[in-house]
Amino acid sequence: MADKEKMKQLIWDCQKDIAAYLPPESDISEHELLQILIARLDGSQAKEALGDDWPGWWPDYDGGDDNGGSPAPHDREMA
């Protein structure tokens, strides 16, 4: 079952990631921002916030490998 306070924190952290990207001097590319957000939404923080039944951000992804449903396994625990 989802945890309301942990979900709020997850959303807040995603908003902070986006805010860090927005200034022109951030030097964070759009691709890097998407990787950060995907890692946060597919990582342990999201699993704790959403509960044990959370399948991950990419539940229908069929990339042919064993990455736990994510196309970016090396970035999953950046959070």
C-alpha atoms as a PDB file:
ATOM      1  CA  MET A   1       0.000   0.000   0.000  1.00  0.00           C
ATOM      2  CA  ALA A   2       1.218   3.484  -0.849  1.00  0.00           C
ATOM      3  CA  ASP A   3       2.645   5.712   1.884  1.00  0.00           C
ATOM      4  CA  LYS A   4       1.213   9.230   1.604  1.00  0.00           C
ATOM      5  CA  GLU A   5       4.170  11.051   3.189  1.00  0.00           C
ATOM      6  CA  LYS A   6       6.790   9.099   1.224  1.00  0.00           C
ATOM      7  CA  MET A   7       4.832   9.772  -1.965  1.00  0.00           C
ATOM      8  CA  LYS A   8       4.840  13.505  -1.202  1.00  0.00           C
ATOM      9  CA  GLN A   9       8.612  13.345  -0.687  1.00  0.00           C
ATOM     10  CA  LEU A  10       9.064  11.482  -3.988  1.00  0.00           C
ATOM     11  CA  ILE A  11       7.084  14.169  -5.825  1.00  0.00           C
ATOM     12  CA  TRP A  12       9.034  16.925  -4.049  1.00  0.00           C
ATOM     13  CA  ASP A  13      12.344  15.310  -5.001  1.00  0.00           C
ATOM     14  CA  CYS A  14      11.257  15.035  -8.657  1.00  0.00           C
ATOM     15  CA  GLN A  15      10.272  18.707  -8.606  1.00  0.00           C
ATOM     16  CA  LYS A  16      13.712  19.606  -7.195  1.00  0.00           C
ATOM     17  CA  ASP A  17      15.386  17.580  -9.963  1.00  0.00           C
ATOM     18  CA  ILE A  18      13.393  19.458 -12.603  1.00  0.00           C
ATOM     19  CA  ALA A  19      14.090  22.836 -10.948  1.00  0.00           C
ATOM     20  CA  ALA A  20      17.832  22.102 -10.996  1.00  0.00           C
ATOM     21  CA  TYR A  21      17.600  21.444 -14.752  1.00  0.00           C
ATOM     22  CA  LEU A  22      15.725  24.630 -15.667  1.00  0.00           C
ATOM     23  CA  PRO A  23      18.442  27.312 -15.188  1.00  0.00           C
ATOM     24  CA  PRO A  24      20.587  27.667 -18.346  1.00  0.00           C
ATOM     25  CA  GLU A  25      23.761  27.445 -16.260  1.00  0.00           C
ATOM     26  CA  SER A  26      22.800  24.015 -14.876  1.00  0.00           C
ATOM     27  CA  ASP A  27      24.692  22.113 -17.623  1.00  0.00           C
ATOM     28  CA  ILE A  28      22.199  19.241 -17.180  1.00  0.00           C
ATOM     29  CA  SER A  29      20.992  17.935 -20.527  1.00  0.00           C
ATOM     30  CA  GLU A  30      17.403  16.942 -21.174  1.00  0.00           C
ATOM     31  CA  HIS A  31      18.593  13.340 -21.518  1.00  0.00           C
ATOM     32  CA  GLU A  32      20.348  13.465 -18.143  1.00  0.00           C
ATOM     33  CA  LEU A  33      17.237  14.924 -16.499  1.00  0.00           C
ATOM     34  CA  LEU A  34      15.096  12.116 -17.898  1.00  0.00           C
ATOM     35  CA  GLN A  35      17.592   9.536 -16.650  1.00  0.00           C
ATOM     36  CA  ILE A  36      17.523  11.084 -13.169  1.00  0.00           C
ATOM     37  CA  LEU A  37      13.721  11.133 -13.061  1.00  0.00           C
ATOM     38  CA  ILE A  38      13.401   7.577 -14.382  1.00  0.00           C
ATOM     39  CA  ALA A  39      15.927   6.375 -11.818  1.00  0.00           C
ATOM     40  CA  ARG A  40      14.026   8.105  -9.046  1.00  0.00           C
ATOM     41  CA  LEU A  41      10.655   6.733 -10.212  1.00  0.00           C
ATOM     42  CA  ASP A  42      12.020   3.216 -10.703  1.00  0.00           C
ATOM     43  CA  GLY A  43      14.280   3.148  -7.638  1.00  0.00           C
ATOM     44  CA  SER A  44      13.985   2.240  -4.002  1.00  0.00           C
ATOM     45  CA  GLN A  45      12.430   5.591  -3.027  1.00  0.00           C
ATOM     46  CA  ALA A  46       9.435   4.985  -5.304  1.00  0.00           C
ATOM     47  CA  LYS A  47       9.105   1.376  -4.162  1.00  0.00           C
ATOM     48  CA  GLU A  48       9.032   2.500  -0.529  1.00  0.00           C
ATOM     49  CA  ALA A  49       6.540   5.287  -1.283  1.00  0.00           C
ATOM     50  CA  LEU A  50       4.215   3.193  -3.437  1.00  0.00           C
ATOM     51  CA  GLY A  51       4.403  -0.093  -1.557  1.00  0.00           C
ATOM     52  CA  ASP A  52       5.538  -3.615  -2.300  1.00  0.00           C
ATOM     53  CA  ASP A  53       3.137  -4.056  -5.197  1.00  0.00           C
ATOM     54  CA  TRP A  54       4.748  -1.250  -7.268  1.00  0.00           C
ATOM     55  CA  PRO A  55       5.908  -2.916 -10.505  1.00  0.00           C
ATOM     56  CA  GLY A  56       8.291  -0.097 -11.419  1.00  0.00           C
ATOM     57  CA  TRP A  57       7.988   2.720 -13.868  1.00  0.00           C
ATOM     58  CA  TRP A  58       8.353   0.435 -16.919  1.00  0.00           C
ATOM     59  CA  PRO A  59       6.006  -2.493 -16.134  1.00  0.00           C
ATOM     60  CA  ASP A  60       5.327  -3.225 -19.826  1.00  0.00           C
ATOM     61  CA  TYR A  61       8.904  -2.739 -21.029  1.00  0.00           C
ATOM     62  CA  ASP A  62      10.115  -5.783 -22.931  1.00  0.00           C
ATOM     63  CA  GLY A  63      13.679  -4.936 -23.805  1.00  0.00           C
ATOM     64  CA  GLY A  64      14.733  -8.573 -23.890  1.00  0.00           C
ATOM     65  CA  ASP A  65      17.050  -8.324 -20.891  1.00  0.00           C
ATOM     66  CA  ASP A  66      16.658  -8.919 -17.160  1.00  0.00           C
ATOM     67  CA  ASN A  67      16.661  -5.341 -15.877  1.00  0.00           C
ATOM     68  CA  GLY A  68      13.662  -5.573 -13.595  1.00  0.00           C
ATOM     69  CA  GLY A  69      11.442  -3.681 -16.019  1.00  0.00           C
ATOM     70  CA  SER A  70      13.692  -0.694 -16.635  1.00  0.00           C
ATOM     71  CA  PRO A  71      15.550   0.217 -19.818  1.00  0.00           C
ATOM     72  CA  ALA A  72      18.248   1.988 -17.747  1.00  0.00           C
ATOM     73  CA  PRO A  73      19.434  -0.439 -15.013  1.00  0.00           C
ATOM     74  CA  HIS A  74      22.698   1.398 -14.274  1.00  0.00           C
ATOM     75  CA  ASP A  75      20.771   4.545 -13.293  1.00  0.00           C
ATOM     76  CA  ARG A  76      18.095   2.906 -11.143  1.00  0.00           C
ATOM     77  CA  GLU A  77      19.513   3.755  -7.718  1.00  0.00           C
ATOM     78  CA  MET A  78      20.617   7.346  -8.288  1.00  0.00           C
ATOM     79  CA  ALA A  79      18.022   8.602  -5.815  1.00  0.00           C
END
